[in-house]
Amino acid sequence: MGKIVISSNVTLDGVVRDPDGEEGFERGGWFHQFVGGKDLEDWVARETEEALGAAALLLGGRTSEWFAARMLSRDGADVRVSPEWANRVKSIPKYVVSSTLEGPQWSNATVLNGDVVKEISELKRKVDGEILVYGSYQLVRTLLEQDLVDELRLVVFPVVLGIGQRVFDETSDKKALNLVSTRKIGDGLVFYTYEFEKN
């Protein structure tokens, strides 16, 4: 049985929008402004460990294309990630939720374009292990609303933006979570793991 895990970098006030500053958001680029040195080294190690332990990736169409274009065009050469992380992300089975995407750029990718809830519920039954979700915040909201998420992992950056898209921008009801673990990453980041309470 698969376990859906949302893994995200967020600001202290929960903003996930434009960490790299590539979207043109006026307060974007916060990842590079507030992480470096030991923080970055430990962040990379955590990301790599997580990817190596996952069984699959679940991505929205735009996030999938963004990752693919960035990694495949530059051979995954990104100072923020390790070669092990890049190789794992390229090789791991990927499931892309999109009603418009026909042929994903990735190898080892399957497009899910039917009933999202039904297809992801089936995916959870089929995959044995963690199904990581990176970015894909429209998809994340659907997963949260349908109670399909099992675990939430947040790396919190020491900055408050005040505005911007958040993981929990809109929910139709309260969501109860249990804190599983908290740990410091480097000198300035905090990593939280929560499990969702199931009704």
Protein backbone atom coordinates (compact mmCIF):
# COMPACT_ATOMS: atom_id res chain seq x y z
CA MET A 1 0.00 0.00 0.00
CA GLY A 2 1.36 3.38 -0.98
CA LYS A 3 1.64 6.41 1.26
CA ILE A 4 1.23 9.88 -0.25
CA VAL A 5 3.77 12.32 1.18
CA ILE A 6 3.72 16.04 0.44
CA SER A 7 7.25 17.39 0.71
CA SER A 8 7.65 21.16 0.57
CA ASN A 9 9.87 24.11 1.38
CA VAL A 10 7.90 26.91 3.05
CA THR A 11 8.49 30.28 4.65
CA LEU A 12 7.70 30.77 8.33
CA ASP A 13 4.26 32.11 7.35
CA GLY A 14 3.60 29.11 5.08
CA VAL A 15 4.30 30.64 1.66
CA VAL A 16 5.44 28.18 -1.02
CA ARG A 17 5.33 30.49 -4.03
CA ASP A 18 8.40 31.11 -6.20
CA PRO A 19 11.28 29.97 -3.97
CA ASP A 20 13.75 30.40 -6.86
CA GLY A 21 12.53 33.81 -8.00
CA GLU A 22 11.89 32.52 -11.54
CA GLU A 23 8.14 33.29 -11.57
CA GLY A 24 8.53 37.04 -11.19
CA PHE A 25 6.75 37.13 -7.82
CA GLU A 26 7.80 40.38 -6.11
CA ARG A 27 8.90 38.50 -2.97
CA GLY A 28 10.23 35.42 -4.75
CA GLY A 29 13.76 34.05 -4.55
CA TRP A 30 13.58 33.42 -0.82
CA PHE A 31 15.26 30.02 -1.03
CA HIS A 32 18.62 31.42 -2.18
CA GLN A 33 18.37 34.50 0.04
CA PHE A 34 17.99 32.53 3.24
CA VAL A 35 19.93 29.30 2.80
CA GLY A 36 23.59 28.57 2.19
CA GLY A 37 26.61 26.92 3.79
CA LYS A 38 25.71 24.25 6.35
CA ASP A 39 21.97 24.88 5.90
CA LEU A 40 22.22 24.10 2.19
CA GLU A 41 24.49 21.11 2.74
CA ASP A 42 22.12 19.54 5.27
CA TRP A 43 19.06 20.43 3.13
CA VAL A 44 20.60 18.62 0.13
CA ALA A 45 21.39 15.58 2.29
CA ARG A 46 17.78 15.43 3.55
CA GLU A 47 16.30 15.84 0.05
CA THR A 48 18.57 13.11 -1.29
CA GLU A 49 17.74 10.67 1.53
CA GLU A 50 14.02 11.28 0.98
CA ALA A 51 14.18 10.74 -2.80
CA LEU A 52 16.26 7.58 -2.47
CA GLY A 53 13.68 6.15 -0.06
CA ALA A 54 10.66 6.91 -2.25
CA ALA A 55 8.88 4.45 -4.54
CA ALA A 56 7.35 7.01 -6.93
CA LEU A 57 6.69 10.68 -7.65
CA LEU A 58 3.24 12.19 -8.11
CA LEU A 59 3.26 15.55 -9.89
CA GLY A 60 0.89 18.04 -11.42
CA GLY A 61 1.36 18.76 -15.12
CA ARG A 62 3.04 22.17 -14.77
CA THR A 63 5.36 21.02 -11.98
CA SER A 64 6.33 17.95 -13.99
CA GLU A 65 7.17 20.02 -17.05
CA TRP A 66 9.09 22.56 -14.95
CA PHE A 67 11.24 19.86 -13.34
CA ALA A 68 11.75 18.02 -16.63
CA ALA A 69 12.78 21.13 -18.58
CA ARG A 70 15.14 22.23 -15.85
CA MET A 71 16.80 18.89 -15.19
CA LEU A 72 16.86 17.33 -18.64
CA SER A 73 18.13 20.43 -20.44
CA ARG A 74 21.03 20.86 -18.04
CA ASP A 75 21.64 17.24 -17.16
CA GLY A 76 20.23 17.96 -13.73
CA ALA A 77 23.11 20.30 -12.98
CA ASP A 78 21.73 22.30 -10.07
CA VAL A 79 23.93 23.50 -7.24
CA ARG A 80 21.12 22.80 -4.78
CA VAL A 81 20.87 19.07 -5.39
CA SER A 82 23.17 16.09 -5.37
CA PRO A 83 23.83 13.88 -8.42
CA GLU A 84 22.21 11.02 -6.48
CA TRP A 85 19.02 13.07 -6.06
CA ALA A 86 18.96 14.08 -9.73
CA ASN A 87 19.54 10.52 -10.93
CA ARG A 88 16.83 9.17 -8.64
CA VAL A 89 14.28 11.77 -9.77
CA LYS A 90 15.05 10.98 -13.41
CA SER A 91 14.75 7.20 -12.93
CA ILE A 92 11.94 6.86 -10.38
CA PRO A 93 8.44 6.02 -11.67
CA LYS A 94 6.51 9.27 -12.14
CA TYR A 95 2.75 9.77 -12.26
CA VAL A 96 1.66 13.08 -13.76
CA VAL A 97 -1.86 14.39 -13.20
CA SER A 98 -2.94 16.45 -16.21
CA SER A 99 -5.96 16.76 -18.47
CA THR A 100 -3.93 18.42 -21.26
CA LEU A 101 -0.50 16.78 -21.22
CA GLU A 102 -0.17 13.96 -23.73
CA GLY A 103 3.51 13.07 -23.78
CA PRO A 104 5.57 13.99 -20.72
CA GLN A 105 9.21 14.87 -21.28
CA TRP A 106 10.32 12.38 -18.65
CA SER A 107 11.12 8.76 -19.21
CA ASN A 108 9.33 6.37 -16.87
CA ALA A 109 6.27 8.67 -16.61
CA THR A 110 2.56 7.83 -16.74
CA VAL A 111 -0.09 10.49 -17.32
CA LEU A 112 -3.19 10.26 -15.13
CA ASN A 113 -5.93 12.14 -16.98
CA GLY A 114 -9.16 10.53 -15.79
CA ASP A 115 -10.96 10.76 -12.47
CA VAL A 116 -8.17 12.08 -10.23
CA VAL A 117 -9.53 10.68 -6.97
CA LYS A 118 -10.16 7.25 -8.45
CA GLU A 119 -6.79 7.07 -10.23
CA ILE A 120 -4.78 8.22 -7.21
CA SER A 121 -6.68 5.88 -4.89
CA GLU A 122 -5.78 3.06 -7.29
CA LEU A 123 -2.18 4.28 -7.40
CA LYS A 124 -2.00 4.06 -3.60
CA ARG A 125 -3.17 0.46 -3.78
CA LYS A 126 -0.69 -0.39 -6.54
CA VAL A 127 2.51 1.28 -5.31
CA ASP A 128 4.32 -0.19 -2.34
CA GLY A 129 6.06 2.63 -0.49
CA GLU A 130 6.19 6.41 -0.40
CA ILE A 131 4.68 8.44 -3.24
CA LEU A 132 6.34 11.87 -3.02
CA VAL A 133 4.58 15.03 -4.15
CA TYR A 134 6.81 18.02 -4.99
CA GLY A 135 5.25 21.42 -5.79
CA SER A 136 1.98 20.72 -7.64
CA TYR A 137 -0.10 22.87 -5.30
CA GLN A 138 -3.33 22.67 -7.29
CA LEU A 139 -3.03 18.88 -7.11
CA VAL A 140 -2.07 19.10 -3.42
CA ARG A 141 -5.30 20.96 -2.64
CA THR A 142 -7.29 18.21 -4.37
CA LEU A 143 -5.41 15.52 -2.45
CA LEU A 144 -6.03 17.33 0.84
CA GLU A 145 -9.71 17.87 0.13
CA GLN A 146 -10.17 14.18 -0.70
CA ASP A 147 -8.20 12.99 2.37
CA LEU A 148 -5.68 11.18 0.18
CA VAL A 149 -2.57 12.62 1.90
CA ASP A 150 -0.91 10.49 4.56
CA GLU A 151 2.06 12.63 5.55
CA LEU A 152 3.23 16.25 5.31
CA ARG A 153 6.92 17.18 5.41
CA LEU A 154 7.84 20.84 5.67
CA VAL A 155 11.25 22.48 5.66
CA VAL A 156 10.61 25.91 7.17
CA PHE A 157 12.80 28.84 6.09
CA PRO A 158 13.45 31.74 8.50
CA VAL A 159 11.61 34.44 6.57
CA VAL A 160 8.11 35.94 6.59
CA LEU A 161 6.79 37.18 3.23
CA GLY A 162 3.32 38.31 4.27
CA ILE A 163 1.75 37.46 0.91
CA GLY A 164 1.89 34.58 -1.56
CA GLN A 165 0.42 31.16 -2.23
CA ARG A 166 0.37 28.81 0.76
CA VAL A 167 -0.01 25.04 1.00
CA PHE A 168 -3.25 25.50 2.93
CA ASP A 169 -4.66 28.54 1.12
CA GLU A 170 -8.19 27.19 1.10
CA THR A 171 -9.65 24.10 2.70
CA SER A 172 -13.32 23.30 3.08
CA ASP A 173 -12.84 21.98 6.60
CA LYS A 174 -10.34 21.65 9.43
CA LYS A 175 -7.53 19.14 8.97
CA ALA A 176 -6.16 17.40 12.06
CA LEU A 177 -2.52 16.33 12.01
CA ASN A 178 -0.19 14.57 14.43
CA LEU A 179 3.39 15.79 14.83
CA VAL A 180 5.74 12.86 14.15
CA SER A 181 9.13 14.58 14.35
CA THR A 182 10.94 17.90 14.41
CA ARG A 183 14.59 18.45 13.65
CA LYS A 184 16.95 21.26 12.88
CA ILE A 185 18.60 21.37 9.45
CA GLY A 186 21.88 23.23 9.41
CA ASP A 187 21.79 26.35 11.55
CA GLY A 188 18.60 28.03 10.44
CA LEU A 189 16.06 25.59 8.96
CA VAL A 190 13.53 23.38 10.75
CA PHE A 191 12.11 20.14 9.34
CA TYR A 192 8.64 19.05 10.51
CA THR A 193 6.91 15.76 9.75
CA TYR A 194 3.18 15.38 10.35
CA GLU A 195 0.74 12.54 9.80
CA PHE A 196 -2.86 13.28 8.86
CA GLU A 197 -5.54 11.91 11.13
CA LYS A 198 -7.91 9.74 9.14
CA ASN A 199 -11.65 9.84 9.80
